[in-house]
Protein backbone atom coordinates (compact mmCIF):
# COMPACT_ATOMS: atom_id res chain seq x y z
CA UNK A 1 83.64 -3.21 91.07
CA UNK A 2 86.21 0.06 92.89
CA UNK A 3 89.91 -1.30 92.97
CA UNK A 4 90.56 -1.82 96.63
CA UNK A 5 86.96 -4.33 97.38
CA UNK A 6 89.73 -6.66 94.11
CA UNK A 7 92.88 -6.00 95.47
CA UNK A 8 91.80 -6.47 99.46
CA UNK A 9 91.38 -10.21 99.19
CA UNK A 10 94.84 -9.99 97.01
CA UNK A 11 96.76 -8.64 99.96
CA UNK A 12 95.19 -10.95 102.63
CA UNK A 13 96.69 -13.66 100.68
CA UNK A 14 99.76 -12.20 99.19
CA UNK A 15 100.27 -11.24 103.51
CA UNK A 16 99.36 -15.24 104.75
CA UNK A 17 101.70 -16.20 106.99
CA UNK A 18 103.11 -14.68 110.05
CA UNK A 19 105.69 -12.96 108.81
CA UNK A 20 103.98 -10.58 106.04
CA UNK A 21 102.35 -8.17 106.65
CA UNK A 22 99.96 -5.52 104.01
CA UNK A 23 97.94 -2.83 104.22
CA UNK A 24 96.12 -1.05 101.48
CA UNK A 25 93.35 2.38 101.28
CA UNK A 26 92.58 5.02 99.83
CA UNK A 27 95.67 8.02 99.68
CA UNK A 28 95.02 10.09 102.68
CA UNK A 29 96.80 13.40 103.74
CA UNK A 30 99.33 10.64 104.97
CA UNK A 31 102.41 9.73 102.83
CA UNK A 32 103.86 6.64 102.05
CA UNK A 33 106.43 6.08 104.16
CA UNK A 34 104.41 7.51 107.48
CA UNK A 35 101.72 3.86 106.07
CA UNK A 36 104.92 2.36 105.53
CA UNK A 37 105.32 3.77 109.58
CA UNK A 38 102.06 2.51 111.12
CA UNK A 39 102.82 -0.55 109.75
CA UNK A 40 106.32 -1.45 111.46
CA UNK A 41 105.07 -0.73 114.72
CA UNK A 42 102.02 -3.22 114.41
CA UNK A 43 104.53 -6.20 112.68
CA UNK A 44 107.08 -4.91 115.16
CA UNK A 45 104.28 -5.20 118.22
CA UNK A 46 103.42 -8.95 117.21
CA UNK A 47 107.27 -9.44 117.25
CA UNK A 48 108.51 -8.16 120.26
CA UNK A 49 109.04 -11.40 121.45
CA UNK A 50 111.23 -12.14 118.46
CA UNK A 51 113.38 -8.83 118.93
CA UNK A 52 117.04 -9.19 120.08
CA UNK A 53 116.61 -6.98 123.22
CA UNK A 54 118.54 -3.45 122.84
CA UNK A 55 118.06 -3.50 118.57
CA UNK A 56 116.68 -0.35 117.21
CA UNK A 57 115.15 0.76 113.96
CA UNK A 58 113.94 3.35 112.00
CA UNK A 59 111.80 6.09 114.47
CA UNK A 60 110.10 8.19 112.59
CA UNK A 61 108.13 7.38 108.57
CA UNK A 62 111.12 9.66 107.40
CA UNK A 63 114.05 7.00 108.82
CA UNK A 64 111.71 4.87 106.59
CA UNK A 65 111.28 8.07 103.79
CA UNK A 66 114.74 7.74 103.17
CA UNK A 67 115.31 4.17 103.12
CA UNK A 68 113.08 3.90 99.76
CA UNK A 69 114.60 3.04 96.59
CA UNK A 70 112.42 3.51 93.69
CA UNK A 71 111.81 -0.29 92.31
CA UNK A 72 109.87 -0.66 88.86
CA UNK A 73 106.77 -3.05 88.45
CA UNK A 74 108.03 -5.68 87.34
CA UNK A 75 110.19 -5.75 90.21
CA UNK A 76 107.62 -5.00 92.94
CA UNK A 77 105.77 -7.82 91.51
CA UNK A 78 109.05 -10.46 92.00
CA UNK A 79 109.32 -8.70 95.06
CA UNK A 80 105.35 -9.65 96.35
CA UNK A 81 106.17 -12.73 95.20
CA UNK A 82 108.71 -13.83 96.62
CA UNK A 83 107.52 -12.19 99.87
CA UNK A 84 104.43 -13.90 100.03
CA UNK A 85 106.42 -17.61 99.16
CA UNK A 86 109.41 -17.83 99.90
CA UNK A 87 110.94 -17.06 104.50
CA UNK A 88 113.08 -13.68 104.50
CA UNK A 89 115.65 -16.10 106.69
CA UNK A 90 115.62 -19.06 104.44
CA UNK A 91 115.03 -17.99 101.31
CA UNK A 92 114.58 -21.56 99.65
CA UNK A 93 111.95 -22.44 102.69
CA UNK A 94 108.60 -22.00 100.46
CA UNK A 95 106.27 -20.99 102.68
CA UNK A 96 103.69 -21.31 99.34
CA UNK A 97 102.61 -21.92 96.12
CA UNK A 98 104.65 -19.80 94.09
CA UNK A 99 102.51 -19.96 91.47
CA UNK A 100 99.79 -18.23 94.40
CA UNK A 101 101.91 -15.31 95.09
CA UNK A 102 103.01 -14.59 90.91
CA UNK A 103 99.35 -14.45 90.37
CA UNK A 104 98.45 -12.52 92.78
CA UNK A 105 101.11 -9.96 93.04
CA UNK A 106 100.13 -9.24 89.09
CA UNK A 107 96.81 -8.55 89.51
CA UNK A 108 97.51 -5.64 92.45
CA UNK A 109 100.22 -4.08 89.97
CA UNK A 110 97.84 -4.49 86.97
CA UNK A 111 94.69 -3.36 88.69
CA UNK A 112 96.62 -0.03 90.52
CA UNK A 113 97.96 0.51 86.40
CA UNK A 114 101.17 1.62 84.89
CA UNK A 115 101.30 5.10 86.37
CA UNK A 116 102.11 3.96 89.38
CA UNK A 117 105.18 5.32 91.86
CA UNK A 118 106.81 1.43 93.54
CA UNK A 119 109.64 1.81 95.79
CA UNK A 120 111.26 -0.45 98.29
CA UNK A 121 113.94 -0.57 100.93
CA UNK A 122 116.38 -3.42 98.62
CA UNK A 123 119.18 -2.73 96.85
CA UNK A 124 118.88 -5.00 93.54
CA UNK A 125 117.14 -8.20 93.10
CA UNK A 126 118.03 -11.89 93.11
CA UNK A 127 121.03 -12.64 95.75
CA UNK A 128 123.58 -11.22 97.20
CA UNK A 129 120.47 -8.54 98.22
CA UNK A 130 121.23 -5.63 100.42
CA UNK A 131 118.25 -3.41 102.34
CA UNK A 132 118.52 -0.69 105.07
CA UNK A 133 116.13 -1.50 107.45
CA UNK A 134 112.99 -0.28 107.83
CA UNK A 135 111.74 -2.20 111.86
CA UNK A 136 113.99 -3.06 114.25
CA UNK A 137 114.27 -7.43 113.78
CA UNK A 138 117.18 -9.01 111.53
CA UNK A 139 115.46 -9.32 108.24
CA UNK A 140 112.90 -7.14 106.96
CA UNK A 141 111.88 -6.23 103.22
CA UNK A 142 109.31 -3.36 102.06
CA UNK A 143 107.76 -2.86 98.96
CA UNK A 144 105.20 -0.13 98.28
CA UNK A 145 103.11 1.00 94.80
CA UNK A 146 100.82 4.78 94.91
CA UNK A 147 99.00 6.12 92.91
CA UNK A 148 96.82 9.34 92.82
CA UNK A 149 94.27 7.54 93.90
CA UNK A 150 95.30 4.18 96.34
CA UNK A 151 98.11 2.59 97.91
CA UNK A 152 99.65 -1.00 98.61
CA UNK A 153 102.45 -1.86 101.11
CA UNK A 154 103.43 -5.48 101.74
CA UNK A 155 106.50 -6.10 103.92
CA UNK A 156 107.86 -9.09 105.75
CA UNK A 157 110.35 -9.97 108.09
CA UNK A 158 112.45 -12.24 109.76
CA UNK A 159 114.80 -12.06 112.68
CA UNK A 160 118.35 -14.59 111.54
């Protein structure tokens, strides 16, 4: 089975809530920032009714790329798990089974392998996390992994 055939249902599962978006595919000429930007545009269209009038966010892949910080595989798994399982605004609100989300996130990371380059727009883990926005919404977190052949992206957003 090709990696993407196994990754697809895992990422769809992680993005089962209305505030979480996922994208995956084979590496093409597009950069990971361009892939994230494309996903951000979809999410912003879906959430246009939630946006604060006049709110702005990154207007290009280059601006999104500037928000990226490296994260290790363990941090990426934690982020994917939490983005899937918890509401960004009300972080104690469980949206889905955390164990399921952790198993799916762990499997995605394992399928991509040890050489995966992971990035996020967050700084630090746990409480007090800060982030550099990638959307025009109040809170957003993205985690993306790339290998020489594949990419995966999980994006969650919310308005407080």
